[in-house]
Amino acid sequence: MAIRRLAEEQRLSGAVVAGGMIWLAGQVADDATLDTEGQTADILRQIDALLADAGTDKRALVSIQIVLADIGDAPAMNRAWDAWLDPAQKPARMTIQAPLVNPDWKVEITGVALAPR
């Protein structure tokens, strides 16, 4: 079976394409000084880029998991999410609160998408 690793870093790949699926690593904002809405928009831009690298787009997303450092920031995160989302192609989604590795990060998003055939 072929495995394709995208946006490889020291400890992880930004995404892995295998078995007809695209597995996204947890994405965090490039600019941790942004507010929750800004960090979310930045992360969604990164997800768009990873999916494009894999030959697809957000319409192929099957599932998304969102981690907020503070669940009270959900409305700000949802503003960026709603602006980005294709309302005809909504993935399953979960949102939880948990501490993130960098205390300046407010959001981390991971997900799974179908790979193009």
PDB file of N, CA and C in Angstrom:
ATOM      1  N   MET A   1       0.839  -1.174   0.000  1.00  0.00           N
ATOM      2  CA  MET A   1       0.000   0.000   0.000  1.00  0.00           C
ATOM      3  C   MET A   1       0.889   1.244   0.000  1.00  0.00           C
ATOM      4  N   ALA A   2       0.520   2.214  -0.818  1.00  0.00           N
ATOM      5  CA  ALA A   2       1.278   3.460  -0.901  1.00  0.00           C
ATOM      6  C   ALA A   2       0.842   4.416   0.206  1.00  0.00           C
ATOM      7  N   ILE A   3       1.822   5.031   0.822  1.00  0.00           N
ATOM      8  CA  ILE A   3       1.569   6.057   1.830  1.00  0.00           C
ATOM      9  C   ILE A   3       2.301   7.312   1.371  1.00  0.00           C
ATOM     10  N   ARG A   4       1.572   8.421   1.322  1.00  0.00           N
ATOM     11  CA  ARG A   4       2.160   9.697   0.922  1.00  0.00           C
ATOM     12  C   ARG A   4       2.097  10.650   2.105  1.00  0.00           C
ATOM     13  N   ARG A   5       3.233  11.226   2.452  1.00  0.00           N
ATOM     14  CA  ARG A   5       3.319  12.155   3.583  1.00  0.00           C
ATOM     15  C   ARG A   5       3.512  13.572   3.047  1.00  0.00           C
ATOM     16  N   LEU A   6       2.682  14.485   3.539  1.00  0.00           N
ATOM     17  CA  LEU A   6       2.706  15.865   3.067  1.00  0.00           C
ATOM     18  C   LEU A   6       3.181  16.793   4.179  1.00  0.00           C
ATOM     19  N   ALA A   7       3.859  17.868   3.798  1.00  0.00           N
ATOM     20  CA  ALA A   7       4.306  18.899   4.740  1.00  0.00           C
ATOM     21  C   ALA A   7       5.019  18.275   5.943  1.00  0.00           C
ATOM     22  N   GLU A   8       6.036  17.473   5.652  1.00  0.00           N
ATOM     23  CA  GLU A   8       6.769  16.802   6.730  1.00  0.00           C
ATOM     24  C   GLU A   8       7.570  17.797   7.557  1.00  0.00           C
ATOM     25  N   GLU A   9       7.546  17.603   8.862  1.00  0.00           N
ATOM     26  CA  GLU A   9       8.317  18.398   9.813  1.00  0.00           C
ATOM     27  C   GLU A   9       9.194  17.443  10.623  1.00  0.00           C
ATOM     28  N   GLN A  10       9.840  17.962  11.635  1.00  0.00           N
ATOM     29  CA  GLN A  10      10.753  17.140  12.433  1.00  0.00           C
ATOM     30  C   GLN A  10      10.045  15.944  13.072  1.00  0.00           C
ATOM     31  N   ARG A  11       8.867  16.163  13.651  1.00  0.00           N
ATOM     32  CA  ARG A  11       8.206  15.105  14.422  1.00  0.00           C
ATOM     33  C   ARG A  11       6.945  14.555  13.776  1.00  0.00           C
ATOM     34  N   LEU A  12       6.489  15.162  12.693  1.00  0.00           N
ATOM     35  CA  LEU A  12       5.206  14.736  12.127  1.00  0.00           C
ATOM     36  C   LEU A  12       5.068  15.162  10.686  1.00  0.00           C
ATOM     37  N   SER A  13       4.055  14.627  10.042  1.00  0.00           N
ATOM     38  CA  SER A  13       3.649  15.071   8.710  1.00  0.00           C
ATOM     39  C   SER A  13       2.384  15.891   8.881  1.00  0.00           C
ATOM     40  N   GLY A  14       2.245  16.945   8.105  1.00  0.00           N
ATOM     41  CA  GLY A  14       1.043  17.768   8.181  1.00  0.00           C
ATOM     42  C   GLY A  14      -0.194  17.002   7.777  1.00  0.00           C
ATOM     43  N   ALA A  15      -0.008  16.044   6.884  1.00  0.00           N
ATOM     44  CA  ALA A  15      -1.095  15.154   6.459  1.00  0.00           C
ATOM     45  C   ALA A  15      -0.479  13.875   5.922  1.00  0.00           C
ATOM     46  N   VAL A  16      -1.240  12.800   6.005  1.00  0.00           N
ATOM     47  CA  VAL A  16      -0.819  11.518   5.454  1.00  0.00           C
ATOM     48  C   VAL A  16      -1.961  11.000   4.586  1.00  0.00           C
ATOM     49  N   VAL A  17      -1.616  10.608   3.355  1.00  0.00           N
ATOM     50  CA  VAL A  17      -2.597  10.040   2.434  1.00  0.00           C
ATOM     51  C   VAL A  17      -2.344   8.540   2.386  1.00  0.00           C
ATOM     52  N   ALA A  18      -3.349   7.759   2.785  1.00  0.00           N
ATOM     53  CA  ALA A  18      -3.216   6.300   2.813  1.00  0.00           C
ATOM     54  C   ALA A  18      -4.604   5.670   2.831  1.00  0.00           C
ATOM     55  N   GLY A  19      -4.717   4.549   2.181  1.00  0.00           N
ATOM     56  CA  GLY A  19      -5.958   3.790   2.241  1.00  0.00           C
ATOM     57  C   GLY A  19      -7.190   4.558   1.782  1.00  0.00           C
ATOM     58  N   GLY A  20      -7.012   5.450   0.818  1.00  0.00           N
ATOM     59  CA  GLY A  20      -8.140   6.210   0.302  1.00  0.00           C
ATOM     60  C   GLY A  20      -8.575   7.364   1.185  1.00  0.00           C
ATOM     61  N   MET A  21      -7.792   7.660   2.223  1.00  0.00           N
ATOM     62  CA  MET A  21      -8.134   8.730   3.161  1.00  0.00           C
ATOM     63  C   MET A  21      -6.958   9.693   3.308  1.00  0.00           C
ATOM     64  N   ILE A  22      -7.286  10.899   3.770  1.00  0.00           N
ATOM     65  CA  ILE A  22      -6.280  11.906   4.108  1.00  0.00           C
ATOM     66  C   ILE A  22      -6.435  12.186   5.594  1.00  0.00           C
ATOM     67  N   TRP A  23      -5.390  11.955   6.352  1.00  0.00           N
ATOM     68  CA  TRP A  23      -5.390  12.144   7.806  1.00  0.00           C
ATOM     69  C   TRP A  23      -4.623  13.428   8.103  1.00  0.00           C
ATOM     70  N   LEU A  24      -5.299  14.423   8.624  1.00  0.00           N
ATOM     71  CA  LEU A  24      -4.660  15.702   8.945  1.00  0.00           C
ATOM     72  C   LEU A  24      -4.086  15.671  10.355  1.00  0.00           C
ATOM     73  N   ALA A  25      -2.854  16.128  10.505  1.00  0.00           N
ATOM     74  CA  ALA A  25      -2.290  16.310  11.842  1.00  0.00           C
ATOM     75  C   ALA A  25      -3.000  17.488  12.491  1.00  0.00           C
ATOM     76  N   GLY A  26      -2.881  17.618  13.791  1.00  0.00           N
ATOM     77  CA  GLY A  26      -3.439  18.779  14.467  1.00  0.00           C
ATOM     78  C   GLY A  26      -2.770  20.038  13.940  1.00  0.00           C
ATOM     79  N   GLN A  27      -3.570  20.940  13.409  1.00  0.00           N
ATOM     80  CA  GLN A  27      -3.064  22.185  12.833  1.00  0.00           C
ATOM     81  C   GLN A  27      -3.271  23.308  13.837  1.00  0.00           C
ATOM     82  N   VAL A  28      -2.252  24.135  14.009  1.00  0.00           N
ATOM     83  CA  VAL A  28      -2.329  25.299  14.885  1.00  0.00           C
ATOM     84  C   VAL A  28      -1.939  26.527  14.071  1.00  0.00           C
ATOM     85  N   ALA A  29      -2.284  27.697  14.566  1.00  0.00           N
ATOM     86  CA  ALA A  29      -2.024  28.942  13.841  1.00  0.00           C
ATOM     87  C   ALA A  29      -0.533  29.202  13.692  1.00  0.00           C
ATOM     88  N   ASP A  30      -0.165  29.729  12.537  1.00  0.00           N
ATOM     89  CA  ASP A  30       1.217  30.167  12.326  1.00  0.00           C
ATOM     90  C   ASP A  30       1.522  31.392  13.185  1.00  0.00           C
ATOM     91  N   ASP A  31       0.489  32.211  13.433  1.00  0.00           N
ATOM     92  CA  ASP A  31       0.645  33.430  14.231  1.00  0.00           C
ATOM     93  C   ASP A  31      -0.162  33.286  15.518  1.00  0.00           C
ATOM     94  N   ALA A  32       0.511  32.925  16.592  1.00  0.00           N
ATOM     95  CA  ALA A  32      -0.159  32.682  17.877  1.00  0.00           C
ATOM     96  C   ALA A  32      -0.609  33.967  18.557  1.00  0.00           C
ATOM     97  N   THR A  33      -0.281  35.132  17.985  1.00  0.00           N
ATOM     98  CA  THR A  33      -0.742  36.392  18.589  1.00  0.00           C
ATOM     99  C   THR A  33      -2.159  36.749  18.141  1.00  0.00           C
ATOM    100  N   LEU A  34      -2.683  36.044  17.147  1.00  0.00           N
ATOM    101  CA  LEU A  34      -4.043  36.309  16.672  1.00  0.00           C
ATOM    102  C   LEU A  34      -5.071  35.902  17.718  1.00  0.00           C
ATOM    103  N   ASP A  35      -6.256  36.499  17.650  1.00  0.00           N
ATOM    104  CA  ASP A  35      -7.348  36.084  18.531  1.00  0.00           C
ATOM    105  C   ASP A  35      -7.906  34.747  18.033  1.00  0.00           C
ATOM    106  N   THR A  36      -8.877  34.212  18.726  1.00  0.00           N
ATOM    107  CA  THR A  36      -9.417  32.887  18.390  1.00  0.00           C
ATOM    108  C   THR A  36      -9.963  32.835  16.968  1.00  0.00           C
ATOM    109  N   GLU A  37     -10.706  33.856  16.576  1.00  0.00           N
ATOM    110  CA  GLU A  37     -11.252  33.884  15.214  1.00  0.00           C
ATOM    111  C   GLU A  37     -10.128  33.912  14.186  1.00  0.00           C
ATOM    112  N   GLY A  38      -9.105  34.731  14.420  1.00  0.00           N
ATOM    113  CA  GLY A  38      -7.972  34.814  13.511  1.00  0.00           C
ATOM    114  C   GLY A  38      -7.180  33.525  13.447  1.00  0.00           C
ATOM    115  N   GLN A  39      -6.932  32.903  14.610  1.00  0.00           N
ATOM    116  CA  GLN A  39      -6.212  31.623  14.615  1.00  0.00           C
ATOM    117  C   GLN A  39      -7.006  30.567  13.855  1.00  0.00           C
ATOM    118  N   THR A  40      -8.316  30.537  14.063  1.00  0.00           N
ATOM    119  CA  THR A  40      -9.144  29.547  13.367  1.00  0.00           C
ATOM    120  C   THR A  40      -9.066  29.757  11.856  1.00  0.00           C
ATOM    121  N   ALA A  41      -9.202  31.002  11.407  1.00  0.00           N
ATOM    122  CA  ALA A  41      -9.117  31.295   9.972  1.00  0.00           C
ATOM    123  C   ALA A  41      -7.761  30.872   9.409  1.00  0.00           C
ATOM    124  N   ASP A  42      -6.683  31.115  10.164  1.00  0.00           N
ATOM    125  CA  ASP A  42      -5.347  30.721   9.726  1.00  0.00           C
ATOM    126  C   ASP A  42      -5.238  29.201   9.606  1.00  0.00           C
ATOM    127  N   ILE A  43      -5.776  28.490  10.570  1.00  0.00           N
ATOM    128  CA  ILE A  43      -5.738  27.024  10.539  1.00  0.00           C
ATOM    129  C   ILE A  43      -6.542  26.492   9.354  1.00  0.00           C
ATOM    130  N   LEU A  44      -7.704  27.063   9.104  1.00  0.00           N
ATOM    131  CA  LEU A  44      -8.535  26.609   7.987  1.00  0.00           C
ATOM    132  C   LEU A  44      -7.836  26.869   6.657  1.00  0.00           C
ATOM    133  N   ARG A  45      -7.070  27.956   6.564  1.00  0.00           N
ATOM    134  CA  ARG A  45      -6.255  28.218   5.373  1.00  0.00           C
ATOM    135  C   ARG A  45      -5.211  27.114   5.204  1.00  0.00           C
ATOM    136  N   GLN A  46      -4.595  26.697   6.312  1.00  0.00           N
ATOM    137  CA  GLN A  46      -3.603  25.617   6.262  1.00  0.00           C
ATOM    138  C   GLN A  46      -4.248  24.310   5.812  1.00  0.00           C
ATOM    139  N   ILE A  47      -5.447  24.042   6.321  1.00  0.00           N
ATOM    140  CA  ILE A  47      -6.163  22.822   5.925  1.00  0.00           C
ATOM    141  C   ILE A  47      -6.473  22.865   4.435  1.00  0.00           C
ATOM    142  N   ASP A  48      -6.920  24.021   3.932  1.00  0.00           N
ATOM    143  CA  ASP A  48      -7.155  24.160   2.494  1.00  0.00           C
ATOM    144  C   ASP A  48      -5.893  23.819   1.708  1.00  0.00           C
ATOM    145  N   ALA A  49      -4.743  24.325   2.162  1.00  0.00           N
ATOM    146  CA  ALA A  49      -3.476  24.091   1.457  1.00  0.00           C
ATOM    147  C   ALA A  49      -3.084  22.612   1.493  1.00  0.00           C
ATOM    148  N   LEU A  50      -3.238  21.960   2.638  1.00  0.00           N
ATOM    149  CA  LEU A  50      -2.910  20.536   2.733  1.00  0.00           C
ATOM    150  C   LEU A  50      -3.815  19.699   1.838  1.00  0.00           C
ATOM    151  N   LEU A  51      -5.102  20.006   1.846  1.00  0.00           N
ATOM    152  CA  LEU A  51      -6.031  19.257   1.005  1.00  0.00           C
ATOM    153  C   LEU A  51      -5.728  19.496  -0.475  1.00  0.00           C
ATOM    154  N   ALA A  52      -5.371  20.718  -0.838  1.00  0.00           N
ATOM    155  CA  ALA A  52      -4.995  21.006  -2.228  1.00  0.00           C
ATOM    156  C   ALA A  52      -3.751  20.210  -2.612  1.00  0.00           C
ATOM    157  N   ASP A  53      -2.793  20.134  -1.695  1.00  0.00           N
ATOM    158  CA  ASP A  53      -1.575  19.337  -1.917  1.00  0.00           C
ATOM    159  C   ASP A  53      -1.916  17.869  -2.157  1.00  0.00           C
ATOM    160  N   ALA A  54      -2.963  17.402  -1.505  1.00  0.00           N
ATOM    161  CA  ALA A  54      -3.400  16.011  -1.654  1.00  0.00           C
ATOM    162  C   ALA A  54      -4.303  15.831  -2.872  1.00  0.00           C
ATOM    163  N   GLY A  55      -4.639  16.937  -3.563  1.00  0.00           N
ATOM    164  CA  GLY A  55      -5.437  16.845  -4.775  1.00  0.00           C
ATOM    165  C   GLY A  55      -6.927  16.989  -4.581  1.00  0.00           C
ATOM    166  N   THR A  56      -7.340  17.591  -3.456  1.00  0.00           N
ATOM    167  CA  THR A  56      -8.772  17.729  -3.192  1.00  0.00           C
ATOM    168  C   THR A  56      -9.036  19.042  -2.464  1.00  0.00           C
ATOM    169  N   ASP A  57     -10.193  19.155  -1.853  1.00  0.00           N
ATOM    170  CA  ASP A  57     -10.540  20.376  -1.121  1.00  0.00           C
ATOM    171  C   ASP A  57     -11.460  20.043   0.050  1.00  0.00           C
ATOM    172  N   LYS A  58     -11.931  21.074   0.741  1.00  0.00           N
ATOM    173  CA  LYS A  58     -12.705  20.888   1.971  1.00  0.00           C
ATOM    174  C   LYS A  58     -13.999  20.117   1.765  1.00  0.00           C
ATOM    175  N   ARG A  59     -14.492  20.034   0.536  1.00  0.00           N
ATOM    176  CA  ARG A  59     -15.704  19.245   0.280  1.00  0.00           C
ATOM    177  C   ARG A  59     -15.480  17.760   0.541  1.00  0.00           C
ATOM    178  N   ALA A  60     -14.221  17.320   0.580  1.00  0.00           N
ATOM    179  CA  ALA A  60     -13.896  15.914   0.832  1.00  0.00           C
ATOM    180  C   ALA A  60     -13.782  15.587   2.319  1.00  0.00           C
ATOM    181  N   LEU A  61     -13.879  16.606   3.176  1.00  0.00           N
ATOM    182  CA  LEU A  61     -13.758  16.350   4.619  1.00  0.00           C
ATOM    183  C   LEU A  61     -14.895  15.471   5.116  1.00  0.00           C
ATOM    184  N   VAL A  62     -14.540  14.469   5.886  1.00  0.00           N
ATOM    185  CA  VAL A  62     -15.506  13.545   6.474  1.00  0.00           C
ATOM    186  C   VAL A  62     -15.740  13.896   7.936  1.00  0.00           C
ATOM    187  N   SER A  63     -14.664  14.238   8.638  1.00  0.00           N
ATOM    188  CA  SER A  63     -14.734  14.469  10.079  1.00  0.00           C
ATOM    189  C   SER A  63     -13.712  15.526  10.482  1.00  0.00           C
ATOM    190  N   ILE A  64     -14.112  16.377  11.431  1.00  0.00           N
ATOM    191  CA  ILE A  64     -13.228  17.419  11.974  1.00  0.00           C
ATOM    192  C   ILE A  64     -13.307  17.367  13.497  1.00  0.00           C
ATOM    193  N   GLN A  65     -12.177  17.512  14.144  1.00  0.00           N
ATOM    194  CA  GLN A  65     -12.120  17.622  15.600  1.00  0.00           C
ATOM    195  C   GLN A  65     -11.435  18.941  15.934  1.00  0.00           C
ATOM    196  N   ILE A  66     -12.109  19.739  16.760  1.00  0.00           N
ATOM    197  CA  ILE A  66     -11.601  21.050  17.141  1.00  0.00           C
ATOM    198  C   ILE A  66     -11.337  21.060  18.638  1.00  0.00           C
ATOM    199  N   VAL A  67     -10.147  21.499  19.016  1.00  0.00           N
ATOM    200  CA  VAL A  67      -9.785  21.647  20.420  1.00  0.00           C
ATOM    201  C   VAL A  67      -9.630  23.136  20.696  1.00  0.00           C
ATOM    202  N   LEU A  68     -10.364  23.618  21.683  1.00  0.00           N
ATOM    203  CA  LEU A  68     -10.250  25.000  22.125  1.00  0.00           C
ATOM    204  C   LEU A  68      -9.595  25.019  23.495  1.00  0.00           C
ATOM    205  N   ALA A  69      -8.660  25.932  23.690  1.00  0.00           N
ATOM    206  CA  ALA A  69      -8.056  26.085  25.012  1.00  0.00           C
ATOM    207  C   ALA A  69      -9.099  26.585  26.008  1.00  0.00           C
ATOM    208  N   ASP A  70     -10.055  27.366  25.507  1.00  0.00           N
ATOM    209  CA  ASP A  70     -11.146  27.890  26.344  1.00  0.00           C
ATOM    210  C   ASP A  70     -12.446  27.727  25.571  1.00  0.00           C
ATOM    211  N   ILE A  71     -13.337  26.875  26.042  1.00  0.00           N
ATOM    212  CA  ILE A  71     -14.595  26.599  25.344  1.00  0.00           C
ATOM    213  C   ILE A  71     -15.445  27.861  25.214  1.00  0.00           C
ATOM    214  N   GLY A  72     -15.190  28.862  26.035  1.00  0.00           N
ATOM    215  CA  GLY A  72     -15.873  30.143  25.914  1.00  0.00           C
ATOM    216  C   GLY A  72     -15.556  30.865  24.612  1.00  0.00           C
ATOM    217  N   ASP A  73     -14.488  30.433  23.925  1.00  0.00           N
ATOM    218  CA  ASP A  73     -14.115  31.019  22.644  1.00  0.00           C
ATOM    219  C   ASP A  73     -14.855  30.369  21.470  1.00  0.00           C
ATOM    220  N   ALA A  74     -15.787  29.460  21.738  1.00  0.00           N
ATOM    221  CA  ALA A  74     -16.513  28.772  20.659  1.00  0.00           C
ATOM    222  C   ALA A  74     -17.218  29.746  19.708  1.00  0.00           C
ATOM    223  N   PRO A  75     -17.873  30.792  20.192  1.00  0.00           N
ATOM    224  CA  PRO A  75     -18.518  31.704  19.236  1.00  0.00           C
ATOM    225  C   PRO A  75     -17.525  32.351  18.264  1.00  0.00           C
ATOM    226  N   ALA A  76     -16.353  32.746  18.733  1.00  0.00           N
ATOM    227  CA  ALA A  76     -15.334  33.341  17.860  1.00  0.00           C
ATOM    228  C   ALA A  76     -14.824  32.305  16.856  1.00  0.00           C
ATOM    229  N   MET A  77     -14.576  31.091  17.319  1.00  0.00           N
ATOM    230  CA  MET A  77     -14.133  30.024  16.427  1.00  0.00           C
ATOM    231  C   MET A  77     -15.209  29.762  15.382  1.00  0.00           C
ATOM    232  N   ASN A  78     -16.480  29.713  15.803  1.00  0.00           N
ATOM    233  CA  ASN A  78     -17.573  29.426  14.874  1.00  0.00           C
ATOM    234  C   ASN A  78     -17.752  30.521  13.825  1.00  0.00           C
ATOM    235  N   ARG A  79     -17.419  31.769  14.130  1.00  0.00           N
ATOM    236  CA  ARG A  79     -17.500  32.824  13.115  1.00  0.00           C
ATOM    237  C   ARG A  79     -16.558  32.519  11.946  1.00  0.00           C
ATOM    238  N   ALA A  80     -15.325  32.138  12.264  1.00  0.00           N
ATOM    239  CA  ALA A  80     -14.369  31.788  11.206  1.00  0.00           C
ATOM    240  C   ALA A  80     -14.803  30.506  10.502  1.00  0.00           C
ATOM    241  N   TRP A  81     -15.259  29.521  11.264  1.00  0.00           N
ATOM    242  CA  TRP A  81     -15.718  28.249  10.701  1.00  0.00           C
ATOM    243  C   TRP A  81     -16.870  28.482   9.728  1.00  0.00           C
ATOM    244  N   ASP A  82     -17.873  29.248  10.155  1.00  0.00           N
ATOM    245  CA  ASP A  82     -19.055  29.486   9.322  1.00  0.00           C
ATOM    246  C   ASP A  82     -18.703  30.235   8.041  1.00  0.00           C
ATOM    247  N   ALA A  83     -17.738  31.151   8.118  1.00  0.00           N
ATOM    248  CA  ALA A  83     -17.308  31.888   6.923  1.00  0.00           C
ATOM    249  C   ALA A  83     -16.593  30.980   5.928  1.00  0.00           C
ATOM    250  N   TRP A  84     -15.956  29.928   6.418  1.00  0.00           N
ATOM    251  CA  TRP A  84     -15.153  29.017   5.592  1.00  0.00           C
ATOM    252  C   TRP A  84     -15.955  27.832   5.076  1.00  0.00           C
ATOM    253  N   LEU A  85     -16.893  27.371   5.846  1.00  0.00           N
ATOM    254  CA  LEU A  85     -17.621  26.129   5.581  1.00  0.00           C
ATOM    255  C   LEU A  85     -18.449  26.200   4.306  1.00  0.00           C
ATOM    256  N   ASP A  86     -18.437  25.126   3.539  1.00  0.00           N
ATOM    257  CA  ASP A  86     -19.369  24.961   2.424  1.00  0.00           C
ATOM    258  C   ASP A  86     -20.638  24.350   3.023  1.00  0.00           C
ATOM    259  N   PRO A  87     -21.724  25.116   3.129  1.00  0.00           N
ATOM    260  CA  PRO A  87     -22.909  24.620   3.834  1.00  0.00           C
ATOM    261  C   PRO A  87     -23.543  23.389   3.194  1.00  0.00           C
ATOM    262  N   ALA A  88     -23.201  23.118   1.942  1.00  0.00           N
ATOM    263  CA  ALA A  88     -23.736  21.922   1.284  1.00  0.00           C
ATOM    264  C   ALA A  88     -22.866  20.695   1.527  1.00  0.00           C
ATOM    265  N   GLN A  89     -21.689  20.873   2.149  1.00  0.00           N
ATOM    266  CA  GLN A  89     -20.733  19.770   2.333  1.00  0.00           C
ATOM    267  C   GLN A  89     -20.170  19.776   3.746  1.00  0.00           C
ATOM    268  N   LYS A  90     -21.031  19.750   4.734  1.00  0.00           N
ATOM    269  CA  LYS A  90     -20.571  19.836   6.132  1.00  0.00           C
ATOM    270  C   LYS A  90     -20.022  18.483   6.612  1.00  0.00           C
ATOM    271  N   PRO A  91     -18.801  18.481   7.185  1.00  0.00           N
ATOM    272  CA  PRO A  91     -18.277  17.249   7.780  1.00  0.00           C
ATOM    273  C   PRO A  91     -18.895  17.020   9.163  1.00  0.00           C
ATOM    274  N   ALA A  92     -18.775  15.817   9.668  1.00  0.00           N
ATOM    275  CA  ALA A  92     -19.080  15.573  11.080  1.00  0.00           C
ATOM    276  C   ALA A  92     -18.061  16.381  11.880  1.00  0.00           C
ATOM    277  N   ARG A  93     -18.492  16.869  13.055  1.00  0.00           N
ATOM    278  CA  ARG A  93     -17.578  17.733  13.814  1.00  0.00           C
ATOM    279  C   ARG A  93     -17.748  17.527  15.305  1.00  0.00           C
ATOM    280  N   MET A  94     -16.639  17.648  16.008  1.00  0.00           N
ATOM    281  CA  MET A  94     -16.611  17.602  17.463  1.00  0.00           C
ATOM    282  C   MET A  94     -15.787  18.783  17.936  1.00  0.00           C
ATOM    283  N   THR A  95     -16.199  19.409  19.041  1.00  0.00           N
ATOM    284  CA  THR A  95     -15.426  20.500  19.639  1.00  0.00           C
ATOM    285  C   THR A  95     -15.295  20.233  21.130  1.00  0.00           C
ATOM    286  N   ILE A  96     -14.059  20.286  21.633  1.00  0.00           N
ATOM    287  CA  ILE A  96     -13.816  20.072  23.062  1.00  0.00           C
ATOM    288  C   ILE A  96     -12.879  21.156  23.591  1.00  0.00           C
ATOM    289  N   GLN A  97     -12.786  21.226  24.898  1.00  0.00           N
ATOM    290  CA  GLN A  97     -11.817  22.102  25.555  1.00  0.00           C
ATOM    291  C   GLN A  97     -10.709  21.235  26.133  1.00  0.00           C
ATOM    292  N   ALA A  98      -9.476  21.664  25.902  1.00  0.00           N
ATOM    293  CA  ALA A  98      -8.312  20.978  26.471  1.00  0.00           C
ATOM    294  C   ALA A  98      -7.124  21.923  26.423  1.00  0.00           C
ATOM    295  N   PRO A  99      -6.175  21.768  27.333  1.00  0.00           N
ATOM    296  CA  PRO A  99      -4.966  22.597  27.266  1.00  0.00           C
ATOM    297  C   PRO A  99      -4.176  22.252  26.000  1.00  0.00           C
ATOM    298  N   LEU A 100      -3.584  23.269  25.388  1.00  0.00           N
ATOM    299  CA  LEU A 100      -2.748  23.058  24.210  1.00  0.00           C
ATOM    300  C   LEU A 100      -1.284  23.235  24.603  1.00  0.00           C
ATOM    301  N   VAL A 101      -0.388  22.656  23.834  1.00  0.00           N
ATOM    302  CA  VAL A 101       1.037  22.631  24.171  1.00  0.00           C
ATOM    303  C   VAL A 101       1.604  24.032  24.372  1.00  0.00           C
ATOM    304  N   ASN A 102       1.269  24.949  23.462  1.00  0.00           N
ATOM    305  CA  ASN A 102       1.721  26.333  23.568  1.00  0.00           C
ATOM    306  C   ASN A 102       0.577  27.140  24.189  1.00  0.00           C
ATOM    307  N   PRO A 103       0.784  27.787  25.314  1.00  0.00           N
ATOM    308  CA  PRO A 103      -0.304  28.519  25.958  1.00  0.00           C
ATOM    309  C   PRO A 103      -0.857  29.671  25.116  1.00  0.00           C
ATOM    310  N   ASP A 104      -0.143  30.107  24.065  1.00  0.00           N
ATOM    311  CA  ASP A 104      -0.640  31.149  23.180  1.00  0.00           C
ATOM    312  C   ASP A 104      -1.599  30.613  22.118  1.00  0.00           C
ATOM    313  N   TRP A 105      -1.567  29.306  21.881  1.00  0.00           N
ATOM    314  CA  TRP A 105      -2.503  28.719  20.930  1.00  0.00           C
ATOM    315  C   TRP A 105      -3.884  28.667  21.559  1.00  0.00           C
ATOM    316  N   LYS A 106      -4.864  29.065  20.801  1.00  0.00           N
ATOM    317  CA  LYS A 106      -6.245  29.058  21.275  1.00  0.00           C
ATOM    318  C   LYS A 106      -7.059  27.943  20.636  1.00  0.00           C
ATOM    319  N   VAL A 107      -6.578  27.424  19.485  1.00  0.00           N
ATOM    320  CA  VAL A 107      -7.326  26.453  18.688  1.00  0.00           C
ATOM    321  C   VAL A 107      -6.362  25.444  18.065  1.00  0.00           C
ATOM    322  N   GLU A 108      -6.790  24.197  18.000  1.00  0.00           N
ATOM    323  CA  GLU A 108      -6.098  23.177  17.207  1.00  0.00           C
ATOM    324  C   GLU A 108      -7.176  22.378  16.492  1.00  0.00           C
ATOM    325  N   ILE A 109      -6.953  22.101  15.189  1.00  0.00           N
ATOM    326  CA  ILE A 109      -7.949  21.400  14.397  1.00  0.00           C
ATOM    327  C   ILE A 109      -7.291  20.249  13.662  1.00  0.00           C
ATOM    328  N   THR A 110      -7.927  19.092  13.691  1.00  0.00           N
ATOM    329  CA  THR A 110      -7.499  17.930  12.937  1.00  0.00           C
ATOM    330  C   THR A 110      -8.712  17.360  12.207  1.00  0.00           C
ATOM    331  N   GLY A 111      -8.484  16.470  11.282  1.00  0.00           N
ATOM    332  CA  GLY A 111      -9.620  15.890  10.571  1.00  0.00           C
ATOM    333  C   GLY A 111      -9.211  14.784   9.620  1.00  0.00           C
ATOM    334  N   VAL A 112     -10.227  14.258   8.959  1.00  0.00           N
ATOM    335  CA  VAL A 112     -10.048  13.175   7.995  1.00  0.00           C
ATOM    336  C   VAL A 112     -10.873  13.521   6.763  1.00  0.00           C
ATOM    337  N   ALA A 113     -10.278  13.288   5.592  1.00  0.00           N
ATOM    338  CA  ALA A 113     -10.961  13.540   4.327  1.00  0.00           C
ATOM    339  C   ALA A 113     -10.785  12.352   3.397  1.00  0.00           C
ATOM    340  N   LEU A 114     -11.666  12.249   2.418  1.00  0.00           N
ATOM    341  CA  LEU A 114     -11.493  11.239   1.374  1.00  0.00           C
ATOM    342  C   LEU A 114     -10.421  11.693   0.403  1.00  0.00           C
ATOM    343  N   ALA A 115      -9.547  10.785   0.029  1.00  0.00           N
ATOM    344  CA  ALA A 115      -8.508  11.084  -0.960  1.00  0.00           C
ATOM    345  C   ALA A 115      -9.112  10.935  -2.359  1.00  0.00           C
ATOM    346  N   PRO A 116      -8.616  11.721  -3.306  1.00  0.00           N
ATOM    347  CA  PRO A 116      -9.118  11.561  -4.679  1.00  0.00           C
ATOM    348  C   PRO A 116      -8.704  10.209  -5.226  1.00  0.00           C
ATOM    349  N   ARG A 117      -9.505   9.694  -6.116  1.00  0.00           N
ATOM    350  CA  ARG A 117      -9.179   8.385  -6.730  1.00  0.00           C
ATOM    351  C   ARG A 117      -8.228   8.533  -7.850  1.00  0.00           C
TER     352      ARG A 117
END
